[in-house]
Amino acid sequence: MTAALIKNLRETLARVRGALMRRGRNAHEADDLVQEAWVRLACYERDQPVERPEAFLMRTALNLSVDAYRAQTTRGEEVLVEDVVIIDIMPTAEATLLAKERLERLSVGISRMSDTTRNIFLAHRIDGLTVVELARLHGLSTTTVHKHIAKATLQLTTWMEGW
């Protein structure tokens, strides 16, 4: 290639790159699209001559830009693995151990309740039975069921204090 052809080619590639950047592409994206357009021009010229290579480059680069934009909007933005921050939400070994200890203490607190209070409290909190259902099931008034639930809650709150 002569110096004049190289200069002409550089100017053409710079114009294509500038057109891409005016349409919202950053410098890196524009360079990639210009390179891809250049490769397509070279492949196309193997089979047939191109009368206006500058126009071919410009049209190809702009079409590639549109295709990339459409792909990005349908698939979402591509993210490099290096740019992803992975957050480990698993509890630490210490937090797991403390949770087990709290659960053991809670179990002891529940076992210290009377049978009726424990059964009503667990049926209400764990099984989701309503106060009316519990009253009917145990043959008690709703006020008494409320008292059992309040008593159990107070006992457990006091028992678990500081944990």
Protein backbone atom coordinates (compact mmCIF):
# COMPACT_ATOMS: atom_id res chain seq x y z
CA MET A 1 0.00 0.00 0.00
CA THR A 2 1.19 3.44 -0.77
CA ALA A 3 1.40 6.24 1.77
CA ALA A 4 -1.54 8.03 0.14
CA LEU A 5 -3.75 4.91 0.36
CA ILE A 6 -2.82 4.38 4.01
CA LYS A 7 -3.59 8.01 4.81
CA ASN A 8 -6.92 7.77 2.98
CA LEU A 9 -7.79 4.55 4.82
CA ARG A 10 -6.96 6.08 8.22
CA GLU A 11 -9.13 9.11 7.43
CA THR A 12 -11.99 6.87 6.34
CA LEU A 13 -11.76 4.73 9.47
CA ALA A 14 -11.63 7.89 11.61
CA ARG A 15 -14.80 9.21 9.91
CA VAL A 16 -16.60 5.90 10.50
CA ARG A 17 -15.44 5.87 14.13
CA GLY A 18 -16.62 9.47 14.57
CA ALA A 19 -20.03 8.66 13.11
CA LEU A 20 -20.42 5.77 15.55
CA MET A 21 -19.41 7.91 18.51
CA ARG A 22 -21.89 10.63 17.50
CA ARG A 23 -24.56 7.94 17.63
CA GLY A 24 -23.78 7.09 21.25
CA ARG A 25 -21.01 4.52 21.07
CA ASN A 26 -17.98 4.94 23.31
CA ALA A 27 -14.47 4.86 21.85
CA HIS A 28 -13.93 1.17 22.64
CA GLU A 29 -17.24 0.10 21.11
CA ALA A 30 -16.65 2.28 18.05
CA ASP A 31 -13.20 0.75 17.53
CA ASP A 32 -14.65 -2.76 17.77
CA LEU A 33 -17.40 -1.96 15.28
CA VAL A 34 -14.96 -0.34 12.83
CA GLN A 35 -12.73 -3.41 13.06
CA GLU A 36 -15.66 -5.75 12.44
CA ALA A 37 -16.76 -3.65 9.45
CA TRP A 38 -13.20 -3.76 8.07
CA VAL A 39 -13.14 -7.56 8.38
CA ARG A 40 -16.47 -7.82 6.57
CA LEU A 41 -15.21 -5.55 3.79
CA ALA A 42 -12.09 -7.69 3.39
CA CYS A 43 -14.17 -10.89 3.23
CA TYR A 44 -16.64 -9.37 0.75
CA GLU A 45 -13.83 -8.12 -1.52
CA ARG A 46 -12.50 -11.68 -1.91
CA ASP A 47 -15.54 -12.60 -4.00
CA GLN A 48 -16.34 -9.35 -5.76
CA PRO A 49 -14.95 -5.85 -6.07
CA VAL A 50 -16.36 -3.04 -3.95
CA GLU A 51 -16.73 0.21 -5.89
CA ARG A 52 -17.00 2.49 -2.85
CA PRO A 53 -15.21 0.87 0.13
CA GLU A 54 -15.71 3.98 2.30
CA ALA A 55 -19.48 3.79 1.89
CA PHE A 56 -19.39 0.02 2.47
CA LEU A 57 -17.45 0.53 5.73
CA MET A 58 -19.76 3.29 6.94
CA ARG A 59 -23.00 1.41 6.17
CA THR A 60 -21.66 -1.86 7.63
CA ALA A 61 -20.43 -0.20 10.83
CA LEU A 62 -23.72 1.64 11.34
CA ASN A 63 -25.72 -1.55 10.73
CA LEU A 64 -23.52 -3.43 13.19
CA SER A 65 -24.12 -0.68 15.74
CA VAL A 66 -27.88 -0.93 15.30
CA ASP A 67 -27.73 -4.73 15.59
CA ALA A 68 -25.64 -4.48 18.78
CA TYR A 69 -28.10 -1.98 20.26
CA ARG A 70 -31.08 -4.21 19.46
CA ALA A 71 -29.33 -7.25 20.93
CA GLN A 72 -28.49 -5.29 24.07
CA THR A 73 -32.08 -4.15 24.58
CA THR A 74 -33.51 -7.64 24.13
CA ARG A 75 -30.89 -9.61 26.07
CA GLY A 76 -29.85 -6.95 28.53
CA GLU A 77 -26.47 -5.43 29.01
CA GLU A 78 -23.47 -7.71 28.86
CA VAL A 79 -21.34 -7.71 31.97
CA LEU A 80 -17.84 -9.04 32.28
CA VAL A 81 -17.29 -11.63 34.96
CA GLU A 82 -14.46 -9.50 36.35
CA ASP A 83 -16.91 -6.63 36.91
CA VAL A 84 -19.38 -8.70 38.92
CA VAL A 85 -19.25 -8.45 42.68
CA ILE A 86 -20.49 -11.59 44.34
CA ILE A 87 -21.94 -11.11 47.77
CA ASP A 88 -21.94 -14.13 50.02
CA ILE A 89 -25.19 -14.05 51.97
CA MET A 90 -24.47 -17.24 53.85
CA PRO A 91 -24.18 -16.67 57.59
CA THR A 92 -20.76 -16.97 59.11
CA ALA A 93 -19.83 -19.99 61.20
CA GLU A 94 -20.12 -17.83 64.31
CA ALA A 95 -23.62 -16.64 63.35
CA THR A 96 -24.70 -20.22 62.66
CA LEU A 97 -23.38 -21.38 66.03
CA LEU A 98 -25.13 -18.51 67.84
CA ALA A 99 -28.40 -19.29 66.04
CA LYS A 100 -28.17 -22.94 67.10
CA GLU A 101 -27.53 -21.90 70.68
CA ARG A 102 -30.50 -19.50 70.61
CA LEU A 103 -32.70 -22.24 69.18
CA GLU A 104 -31.62 -24.65 71.90
CA ARG A 105 -32.36 -22.02 74.55
CA LEU A 106 -35.75 -21.36 72.95
CA SER A 107 -36.53 -25.09 73.02
CA VAL A 108 -35.71 -25.23 76.73
CA GLY A 109 -37.93 -22.19 77.34
CA ILE A 110 -40.81 -23.80 75.47
CA SER A 111 -40.37 -27.07 77.38
CA ARG A 112 -40.71 -25.17 80.69
CA MET A 113 -44.27 -24.08 79.83
CA SER A 114 -47.34 -25.95 80.96
CA ASP A 115 -48.73 -28.42 78.43
CA THR A 116 -51.84 -26.35 77.67
CA THR A 117 -49.93 -23.08 77.28
CA ARG A 118 -47.27 -24.75 75.10
CA ASN A 119 -49.84 -26.48 72.88
CA ILE A 120 -51.90 -23.31 72.39
CA PHE A 121 -48.82 -21.15 71.76
CA LEU A 122 -47.28 -23.54 69.21
CA ALA A 123 -50.60 -24.16 67.46
CA HIS A 124 -51.08 -20.41 67.15
CA ARG A 125 -47.52 -19.42 66.15
CA ILE A 126 -46.38 -22.47 64.19
CA ASP A 127 -49.59 -24.01 62.82
CA GLY A 128 -51.32 -20.65 62.32
CA LEU A 129 -54.55 -21.53 64.09
CA THR A 130 -56.71 -18.58 65.07
CA VAL A 131 -57.77 -17.79 68.63
CA VAL A 132 -61.34 -18.86 67.83
CA GLU A 133 -60.16 -22.20 66.41
CA LEU A 134 -57.96 -22.80 69.45
CA ALA A 135 -60.78 -21.93 71.85
CA ARG A 136 -63.10 -24.37 70.10
CA LEU A 137 -60.39 -27.07 69.93
CA HIS A 138 -59.47 -26.84 73.65
CA GLY A 139 -62.94 -26.04 74.96
CA LEU A 140 -61.81 -22.66 76.32
CA SER A 141 -62.98 -19.10 75.92
CA THR A 142 -61.16 -16.83 73.49
CA THR A 143 -60.07 -14.68 76.45
CA THR A 144 -58.40 -17.69 78.07
CA VAL A 145 -56.65 -18.56 74.81
CA HIS A 146 -55.39 -14.96 74.58
CA LYS A 147 -54.08 -15.25 78.15
CA HIS A 148 -52.20 -18.48 77.33
CA ILE A 149 -50.61 -16.88 74.25
CA ALA A 150 -49.66 -13.75 76.22
CA LYS A 151 -48.29 -15.86 79.09
CA ALA A 152 -46.16 -17.94 76.70
CA THR A 153 -44.88 -14.83 74.92
CA LEU A 154 -43.94 -13.17 78.21
CA GLN A 155 -42.21 -16.32 79.49
CA LEU A 156 -40.19 -16.74 76.29
CA THR A 157 -39.30 -13.05 76.12
CA THR A 158 -38.03 -13.15 79.69
CA TRP A 159 -36.25 -16.48 79.13
CA MET A 160 -34.53 -15.30 75.94
CA GLU A 161 -33.49 -11.91 77.33
CA GLY A 162 -29.82 -11.29 76.58
CA TRP A 163 -29.65 -13.89 73.83
